[in-house]
Each structure stands twice: as structure tokens, then as C-alpha cells.
Amino acid sequence: MLPVYDGSPVLWISGSLLLTKTVPSGRPHFFRREKGRKMDNTKLISIIVPIYKVEKYLEECIQSMISQTYKNLEIILVDDGSPDNCGKICDEYARQDSRIKVIHKENAGVARARNSGLDIARGDFISFIDSDDYVAEDAYEKLFKVMLASHADCVVGGCVKIYEDENGNIVKRDQVVVSPDQEKDYVVKSAEEAMQDVLLRGSAAWNRLYKKEIFETLRFPVDRVNDDEVTALHAYALCKQIVFTRIPTYFYRLRANSITTSNFSLRNVDVFYNSRDNLEFVSGGHPALIPAGEFKYIKSALYCYWNLRKMKRSEEEEKAFQKLGEEIRSGDFASKVKKNPYLAFPYKALYRMIAWKIL
């Protein structure tokens, strides 16, 4: 039985403590069931799922989608060259449910897989799910109701993190919190408020419902990891209003051997390159966000340098390490550190040790 929100209190924290709008107390109107008013089921929601080596979890993910209380779905399963039985599982479900489309392709990474799904999506709304996660059975009914009633361009659901050890045993569950006001059912943010959240706290592609217009031309950057934040920043920039709900709609699995939890490697330096691209983007059209963009840029540079320093480095890793050190010790970097209002003391202390070549 898939989980359904029962109205009980949920712990909820903010993406940003600085720029949060709240609403009057009590349940907002779009969470109330109005007698005699039927759900609009005419709009199609496209759900895009990139799939690679998740045979153990895939059926739970697919089952959570086909069991949705909102039925007008287009479920796009992108088999990214998975070497296990994922492709066969996708094909079997597609034979059973006409809403499912399957793309089989050579392995090229999650960004290209999502882009392949976007290229064929026909929905009025777009959503993404990671193939080792799953959603509450009323997830899209809830998100869609908020979307229609609030006239938002994007709705973000609440999330439960599920932590697994190396044997796949669940060791911990956490509610992810997205607002400082735990009494409110939703928080409304402007584009720049949501973009600031991305820069200060990070973001993900999943657990969101977007109007299709947002992704008419927008695509995920390829050949990098941690590409969600770049895409989220650009997507929010195309929105007028984003609504964050506290109702848990998404169950996010943190596996011991996943990209998210694996040990640092050279590809993780993409975090720095992404933050540099994000800073360039906000500098070009959102000057109020430059301090937040510089914060993420500084933090990412220090994070990558510190982790590369601890490694036994290959020749390529050594080049990246030296290049990062040069950038951190530059006058421009020093200026950004000095004036940044978000940078906490530990980061400033680490910067000084690197700048003075103590580290």
C-alpha cells in the first residue's frame, strides 16, 4: 500500500530563511475538498524517469506511478543502457499499461536520459522521478490541485528521505523541511526567491510539477554530474511564481553506493564548474542574486579543493587540484570572500589556510 498524506503535522524546514513569504493560518483553500467540485482530469502530466542499474527498486517506482489517483498520465521510462533487467521490466509494464512509453538508448548519463524524455513528452505539465525513488499514490493529484488553484508555474512537494546501508537495509527516515513556519501548508515564492534557495541550499529535479512551457527550450546540461541545480536555477528564472507545499509526495532513497553518497572523485569537481556557470547566469540578469551566487561559487571551490587534497591524486586530478588552488588564491576570489554576507567563519578560515599555502 503506497503512502497517502493523512493531514497529520509534518516537520517542515525552509529552503531560505531570508526571503520567505507565508500565508494566513489555517489550511489553504486548494487543500480543501469542495463539495460538488470534480477534479479536472483533462490535463496530461508527463513523468520522465531516467533508469540505470536499479533493478531492485524499479518496480516499486513504476508501481507508484501507475497507482496514482490522478490517472491522466504519460509515463516515460528511459532505459539508459542499463546492463541488468531494467529494460525488460520497463517493456513488461508498457505492455500492461498504455500510458507507459519506453525509450531504450545507449548509456549516456542521467541528463541525456531526461532530455530524451523531454523531447517526446506531450504533457501539459512535466515532472521527473529518479528510478530508485517512489511517490505517494496521491502525489500528482495534490500537486496538480495546488498548481491549478495557485496559478503557479511550478509546485514543489514535500519529501521523505530514506537512508539505506550497503546491504539495502533502511537505517533512517527523515522528513525534508522546506519552510521555517511549520504551521503553514504552503509557501509562495517569486522566481528570484526560489533561485536564491537554489544558490544557498541546493535543489533537485524531482518532486516538482512544472508547466510544460518551462521546458519548451530548456534542457539538462550534459557531461556533468550534479546538473540538477543548474537546471533548477534556469527553470525558476522562467517562472513567475513557485509554490512549495509541506505535504510529503516524494520518497527519496539515499543508497550507500549512489552518485549522491559515493566518495569524492574527479567528476565531483563538476559541482564547482556548475556553481561558476550559475554565478555567470545570475550576474547577467539577476544582480540581486550575485552575493548568493558568489557564496555557492566560493563554497564549491573550497569543497572541491579540500576533497582533492585528501586524495591520492592521479595526474588529471593533480591538474584540477592545482588549477583550483590558483583560482582560490587569485585576487578576484579574495575580493568575493571578503565581501560575501553568507560565508560563515569555517569557510573563511579554510580559505585563509589555502590562500596562505598552509594547505
Protein backbone atom coordinates (compact mmCIF):
# COMPACT_ATOMS: atom_id res chain seq x y z
CA MET A 1 0.00 0.00 0.00
CA LEU A 2 1.52 3.32 -1.04
CA PRO A 3 1.52 6.16 1.49
CA VAL A 4 -1.18 8.83 1.35
CA TYR A 5 -1.00 12.09 3.28
CA ASP A 6 -3.46 11.90 6.18
CA GLY A 7 -3.41 15.52 7.29
CA SER A 8 -1.14 14.94 10.30
CA PRO A 9 1.56 17.52 11.13
CA VAL A 10 4.78 17.22 9.16
CA LEU A 11 8.13 18.67 10.14
CA TRP A 12 8.96 21.26 7.52
CA ILE A 13 12.05 23.45 7.05
CA SER A 14 12.79 26.28 4.65
CA GLY A 15 14.97 26.48 1.64
CA SER A 16 15.68 30.06 2.66
CA LEU A 17 15.27 31.83 5.96
CA LEU A 18 15.75 35.22 4.32
CA LEU A 19 13.16 35.51 1.59
CA THR A 20 10.10 33.53 2.58
CA LYS A 21 6.51 34.59 2.19
CA THR A 22 3.90 32.92 4.37
CA VAL A 23 0.12 32.89 4.28
CA PRO A 24 -2.58 33.30 6.94
CA SER A 25 -3.00 30.45 9.39
CA GLY A 26 -5.35 27.58 8.61
CA ARG A 27 -5.47 25.21 5.68
CA PRO A 28 -5.24 27.00 2.31
CA HIS A 29 -8.25 26.73 0.06
CA PHE A 30 -6.65 24.49 -2.51
CA PHE A 31 -6.17 21.72 0.05
CA ARG A 32 -9.85 21.74 0.99
CA ARG A 33 -12.20 19.42 -0.81
CA GLU A 34 -15.15 21.42 -2.16
CA LYS A 35 -18.44 19.54 -2.31
CA GLY A 36 -19.71 19.01 -5.81
CA ARG A 37 -16.46 20.16 -7.42
CA LYS A 38 -14.79 17.50 -9.55
CA MET A 39 -11.11 17.20 -10.29
CA ASP A 40 -10.10 18.43 -13.76
CA ASN A 41 -8.67 15.28 -15.36
CA THR A 42 -8.31 16.67 -18.87
CA LYS A 43 -4.73 17.88 -18.47
CA LEU A 44 -1.94 15.44 -19.25
CA ILE A 45 1.04 15.13 -16.89
CA SER A 46 4.25 13.72 -18.37
CA ILE A 47 6.51 11.95 -15.87
CA ILE A 48 10.07 11.32 -17.04
CA VAL A 49 12.14 8.61 -15.34
CA PRO A 50 15.83 8.04 -16.23
CA ILE A 51 16.76 4.42 -15.47
CA TYR A 52 20.15 2.78 -14.93
CA LYS A 53 21.07 -0.24 -12.78
CA VAL A 54 18.13 -0.01 -10.37
CA GLU A 55 16.54 -3.41 -10.95
CA LYS A 56 15.97 -3.84 -7.20
CA TYR A 57 13.91 -0.65 -6.91
CA LEU A 58 12.37 -0.11 -10.34
CA GLU A 59 9.10 -1.97 -9.89
CA GLU A 60 8.28 -0.03 -6.72
CA CYS A 61 8.94 3.21 -8.61
CA ILE A 62 6.77 2.24 -11.61
CA GLN A 63 4.01 0.83 -9.42
CA SER A 64 3.82 4.11 -7.50
CA MET A 65 3.19 5.94 -10.79
CA ILE A 66 0.59 3.65 -12.32
CA SER A 67 -1.30 3.61 -8.99
CA GLN A 68 -1.74 7.39 -8.93
CA THR A 69 -5.18 8.75 -8.02
CA TYR A 70 -4.69 11.24 -10.87
CA LYS A 71 -4.96 9.00 -13.93
CA ASN A 72 -4.21 11.20 -16.95
CA LEU A 73 -0.51 10.48 -17.08
CA GLU A 74 2.16 9.92 -19.70
CA ILE A 75 4.89 7.83 -18.05
CA ILE A 76 8.17 7.99 -20.00
CA LEU A 77 10.69 5.35 -18.89
CA VAL A 78 14.16 6.00 -20.32
CA ASP A 79 16.34 2.89 -20.18
CA ASP A 80 19.80 4.45 -20.27
CA GLY A 81 21.56 1.32 -21.46
CA SER A 82 21.09 -0.44 -18.14
CA PRO A 83 23.01 -3.76 -18.16
CA ASP A 84 20.58 -5.52 -15.78
CA ASN A 85 16.91 -6.40 -16.31
CA CYS A 86 15.61 -2.82 -16.11
CA GLY A 87 14.86 -2.66 -19.83
CA LYS A 88 12.80 -5.88 -19.69
CA ILE A 89 10.90 -4.63 -16.63
CA CYS A 90 10.06 -1.40 -18.47
CA ASP A 91 8.81 -3.28 -21.55
CA GLU A 92 6.66 -5.60 -19.45
CA TYR A 93 4.95 -2.69 -17.70
CA ALA A 94 4.45 -0.92 -21.04
CA ARG A 95 2.58 -3.99 -22.32
CA GLN A 96 0.28 -3.80 -19.30
CA ASP A 97 -0.34 -0.03 -19.24
CA SER A 98 -0.85 2.06 -22.39
CA ARG A 99 0.21 5.23 -20.54
CA ILE A 100 3.80 3.98 -20.42
CA LYS A 101 6.32 4.77 -23.14
CA VAL A 102 9.78 3.21 -23.11
CA ILE A 103 12.95 4.64 -24.65
CA HIS A 104 15.93 2.29 -24.96
CA LYS A 105 19.25 4.06 -25.56
CA GLU A 106 22.96 3.63 -25.07
CA ASN A 107 24.24 4.70 -21.70
CA ALA A 108 24.98 8.43 -21.79
CA GLY A 109 24.08 9.70 -18.32
CA VAL A 110 21.02 10.94 -16.49
CA ALA A 111 20.96 14.37 -18.16
CA ARG A 112 20.74 12.94 -21.68
CA ALA A 113 18.17 10.42 -20.48
CA ARG A 114 15.95 13.17 -19.11
CA ASN A 115 16.44 15.22 -22.26
CA SER A 116 15.36 12.24 -24.37
CA GLY A 117 12.17 12.10 -22.34
CA LEU A 118 11.58 15.82 -22.72
CA ASP A 119 11.95 15.53 -26.48
CA ILE A 120 8.91 13.25 -26.78
CA ALA A 121 6.79 14.48 -23.83
CA ARG A 122 3.28 15.57 -24.83
CA GLY A 123 2.00 16.63 -21.42
CA ASP A 124 0.58 19.97 -20.32
CA PHE A 125 2.79 19.56 -17.25
CA ILE A 126 6.22 17.99 -16.73
CA SER A 127 7.63 16.07 -13.77
CA PHE A 128 10.72 13.96 -13.03
CA ILE A 129 11.23 10.94 -10.79
CA ASP A 130 14.51 9.15 -10.08
CA SER A 131 14.12 5.44 -10.74
CA ASP A 132 15.20 4.28 -7.27
CA ASP A 133 12.63 6.57 -5.60
CA TYR A 134 8.83 6.46 -5.47
CA VAL A 135 5.87 8.78 -4.94
CA ALA A 136 2.79 8.78 -2.71
CA GLU A 137 -0.24 7.49 -4.59
CA ASP A 138 -2.00 10.87 -4.40
CA ALA A 139 1.15 12.86 -5.20
CA TYR A 140 0.09 14.22 -8.60
CA GLU A 141 -3.48 14.85 -7.54
CA LYS A 142 -2.15 17.04 -4.71
CA LEU A 143 0.47 18.83 -6.80
CA PHE A 144 -1.97 19.42 -9.65
CA LYS A 145 -4.62 20.88 -7.35
CA VAL A 146 -2.08 23.34 -5.97
CA MET A 147 -0.94 24.19 -9.49
CA LEU A 148 -4.46 24.97 -10.70
CA ALA A 149 -5.61 26.89 -7.64
CA SER A 150 -2.45 28.97 -7.14
CA HIS A 151 -1.73 29.64 -10.86
CA ALA A 152 1.90 28.85 -10.12
CA ASP A 153 4.34 27.86 -12.84
CA CYS A 154 5.93 25.22 -10.62
CA VAL A 155 4.81 23.34 -7.49
CA VAL A 156 7.30 21.59 -5.20
CA GLY A 157 6.10 18.79 -2.92
CA GLY A 158 7.32 17.70 0.48
CA CYS A 159 9.85 14.88 0.66
CA VAL A 160 10.83 11.98 2.90
CA LYS A 161 14.47 10.85 2.79
CA ILE A 162 15.07 7.13 3.16
CA TYR A 163 18.64 6.15 4.08
CA GLU A 164 19.92 2.67 3.19
CA ASP A 165 23.13 0.88 4.18
CA GLU A 166 25.32 -1.11 1.79
CA ASN A 167 23.04 -4.14 2.16
CA GLY A 168 19.93 -2.18 1.20
CA ASN A 169 18.52 -2.08 4.71
CA ILE A 170 16.65 1.09 5.70
CA VAL A 171 18.54 2.67 8.59
CA LYS A 172 16.83 6.04 8.85
CA ARG A 173 13.89 8.12 7.59
CA ASP A 174 13.79 11.91 7.66
CA GLN A 175 11.17 14.45 6.71
CA VAL A 176 12.66 17.10 4.46
CA VAL A 177 11.51 20.53 5.59
CA VAL A 178 11.11 23.50 3.29
CA SER A 179 9.74 26.37 5.33
CA PRO A 180 10.65 27.96 8.66
CA ASP A 181 6.96 28.21 9.52
CA GLN A 182 5.79 24.71 10.36
CA GLU A 183 2.18 25.89 10.74
CA LYS A 184 1.75 26.71 7.07
CA ASP A 185 0.70 24.30 4.35
CA TYR A 186 2.46 26.16 1.61
CA VAL A 187 4.94 28.95 0.88
CA VAL A 188 4.72 31.13 -2.23
CA LYS A 189 7.94 32.47 -3.72
CA SER A 190 8.89 34.65 -6.63
CA ALA A 191 11.40 33.46 -9.22
CA GLU A 192 14.33 35.21 -7.56
CA GLU A 193 13.39 33.99 -4.09
CA ALA A 194 13.34 30.40 -5.34
CA MET A 195 16.56 30.96 -7.27
CA GLN A 196 18.22 32.22 -4.11
CA ASP A 197 17.19 28.97 -2.41
CA VAL A 198 18.97 27.03 -5.15
CA LEU A 199 22.16 29.04 -4.70
CA LEU A 200 22.19 28.94 -0.91
CA ARG A 201 20.79 25.49 -0.23
CA GLY A 202 20.78 23.47 -3.45
CA SER A 203 17.94 21.86 -5.38
CA ALA A 204 16.81 18.76 -7.26
CA ALA A 205 14.94 17.95 -10.46
CA TRP A 206 12.46 15.53 -8.88
CA ASN A 207 9.34 16.19 -6.77
CA ARG A 208 8.27 19.13 -8.88
CA LEU A 209 5.41 19.76 -11.26
CA TYR A 210 6.20 22.29 -13.99
CA LYS A 211 4.09 23.89 -16.67
CA LYS A 212 5.27 22.48 -19.99
CA GLU A 213 6.29 25.95 -21.22
CA ILE A 214 9.23 25.94 -18.81
CA PHE A 215 10.85 23.08 -20.71
CA GLU A 216 9.99 24.08 -24.26
CA THR A 217 13.62 25.05 -24.85
CA LEU A 218 15.29 24.30 -21.50
CA ARG A 219 17.31 21.09 -21.25
CA PHE A 220 19.65 19.49 -18.69
CA PRO A 221 23.38 20.20 -19.23
CA VAL A 222 25.13 17.04 -20.39
CA ASP A 223 28.50 15.51 -19.46
CA ARG A 224 28.36 16.75 -15.87
CA VAL A 225 27.14 15.38 -12.58
CA ASN A 226 25.11 17.44 -10.12
CA ASP A 227 23.33 19.09 -13.04
CA ASP A 228 20.04 19.47 -11.15
CA GLU A 229 20.96 22.83 -9.63
CA VAL A 230 21.87 24.39 -12.97
CA THR A 231 18.56 23.27 -14.46
CA ALA A 232 16.53 24.29 -11.39
CA LEU A 233 18.06 27.77 -11.44
CA HIS A 234 17.21 28.28 -15.12
CA ALA A 235 13.75 26.75 -14.70
CA TYR A 236 12.85 29.01 -11.77
CA ALA A 237 14.09 32.00 -13.76
CA LEU A 238 11.37 31.21 -16.31
CA CYS A 239 8.66 31.09 -13.62
CA LYS A 240 6.64 33.96 -12.20
CA GLN A 241 5.61 32.08 -9.08
CA ILE A 242 6.67 28.85 -7.35
CA VAL A 243 4.67 27.18 -4.58
CA PHE A 244 6.34 24.91 -2.00
CA THR A 245 3.99 22.55 -0.18
CA ARG A 246 4.71 20.63 3.00
CA ILE A 247 2.62 17.58 2.12
CA PRO A 248 5.05 14.68 1.55
CA THR A 249 4.60 13.49 -2.01
CA TYR A 250 8.05 12.04 -2.76
CA PHE A 251 10.18 9.33 -1.13
CA TYR A 252 13.86 9.91 -1.86
CA ARG A 253 16.16 6.94 -1.39
CA LEU A 254 19.77 7.58 -0.39
CA ARG A 255 21.72 4.45 -1.26
CA ALA A 256 25.22 3.80 0.07
CA ASN A 257 26.61 3.32 -3.46
CA SER A 258 24.66 6.03 -5.33
CA ILE A 259 26.14 9.11 -7.04
CA THR A 260 24.81 11.23 -4.19
CA THR A 261 26.53 9.26 -1.43
CA SER A 262 29.63 7.88 -3.16
CA ASN A 263 33.16 9.00 -2.30
CA PHE A 264 34.59 12.15 -3.87
CA SER A 265 36.15 11.73 -7.31
CA LEU A 266 37.28 13.98 -10.13
CA ARG A 267 33.79 14.10 -11.62
CA ASN A 268 32.55 15.76 -8.42
CA VAL A 269 34.56 18.84 -9.42
CA ASP A 270 31.58 19.48 -11.70
CA VAL A 271 30.00 20.97 -8.57
CA PHE A 272 32.49 23.82 -8.90
CA TYR A 273 32.02 24.24 -12.65
CA ASN A 274 28.25 24.28 -12.21
CA SER A 275 28.48 26.93 -9.49
CA ARG A 276 30.69 29.05 -11.72
CA ASP A 277 28.14 28.77 -14.56
CA ASN A 278 25.33 29.66 -12.16
CA LEU A 279 27.21 32.75 -10.97
CA GLU A 280 27.72 33.84 -14.57
CA PHE A 281 24.00 33.34 -15.25
CA VAL A 282 22.73 35.43 -12.32
CA SER A 283 25.37 38.10 -12.96
CA GLY A 284 23.92 38.56 -16.43
CA GLY A 285 20.28 39.14 -15.47
CA HIS A 286 19.70 38.87 -11.72
CA PRO A 287 22.18 41.19 -9.97
CA ALA A 288 20.38 40.90 -6.62
CA LEU A 289 21.41 37.24 -6.57
CA ILE A 290 25.13 37.82 -7.15
CA PRO A 291 26.05 37.51 -3.42
CA ALA A 292 24.23 34.16 -3.23
CA GLY A 293 25.87 33.04 -6.48
CA GLU A 294 29.30 34.03 -5.20
CA PHE A 295 28.63 32.17 -1.96
CA LYS A 296 27.94 28.92 -3.84
CA TYR A 297 30.96 29.52 -6.09
CA ILE A 298 33.28 30.05 -3.11
CA LYS A 299 31.85 27.15 -1.13
CA SER A 300 32.11 24.77 -4.10
CA ALA A 301 35.72 25.74 -4.84
CA LEU A 302 36.75 25.17 -1.22
CA TYR A 303 34.81 21.91 -1.01
CA CYS A 304 36.44 20.51 -4.16
CA TYR A 305 39.95 21.67 -3.20
CA TRP A 306 39.67 20.17 0.29
CA ASN A 307 38.48 16.80 -1.02
CA LEU A 308 41.06 16.64 -3.81
CA ARG A 309 43.75 17.45 -1.26
CA LYS A 310 42.82 14.38 0.81
CA MET A 311 43.04 12.04 -2.20
CA LYS A 312 45.96 10.14 -3.63
CA ARG A 313 45.73 12.08 -6.88
CA SER A 314 46.19 10.89 -10.45
CA GLU A 315 47.85 13.19 -12.99
CA GLU A 316 44.46 14.52 -14.10
CA GLU A 317 43.32 15.02 -10.52
CA GLU A 318 46.54 16.84 -9.71
CA LYS A 319 45.93 19.27 -12.59
CA ALA A 320 42.45 20.00 -11.28
CA PHE A 321 43.82 20.43 -7.76
CA GLN A 322 46.49 22.91 -8.87
CA LYS A 323 44.04 24.83 -11.05
CA LEU A 324 41.60 25.17 -8.17
CA GLY A 325 44.38 26.35 -5.89
CA GLU A 326 45.35 29.06 -8.39
CA GLU A 327 41.75 30.24 -8.63
CA ILE A 328 41.27 30.30 -4.86
CA ARG A 329 44.48 32.29 -4.39
CA SER A 330 43.54 34.89 -7.01
CA GLY A 331 42.75 38.48 -6.09
CA ASP A 332 39.23 38.21 -7.55
CA PHE A 333 38.45 35.23 -5.32
CA ALA A 334 39.79 37.07 -2.28
CA SER A 335 37.52 40.02 -3.05
CA LYS A 336 34.48 37.75 -3.25
CA VAL A 337 35.33 36.11 0.07
CA LYS A 338 35.84 39.43 1.83
CA LYS A 339 32.50 40.95 0.89
CA ASN A 340 30.21 37.90 0.94
CA PRO A 341 27.43 38.20 3.55
CA TYR A 342 26.59 34.47 3.64
CA LEU A 343 30.04 32.98 4.16
CA ALA A 344 30.45 31.51 7.66
CA PHE A 345 33.68 31.59 9.64
CA PRO A 346 34.76 27.97 8.90
CA TYR A 347 34.78 28.69 5.17
CA LYS A 348 36.72 31.92 5.69
CA ALA A 349 39.23 30.09 7.87
CA LEU A 350 39.69 27.34 5.27
CA TYR A 351 40.11 29.98 2.56
CA ARG A 352 42.88 31.70 4.53
CA MET A 353 44.77 28.44 5.05
CA ILE A 354 44.63 27.70 1.31
CA ALA A 355 45.44 31.29 0.30
CA TRP A 356 48.46 31.32 2.64
CA LYS A 357 49.51 27.88 1.32
CA ILE A 358 49.17 26.29 4.73
CA LEU A 359 47.03 23.68 2.94
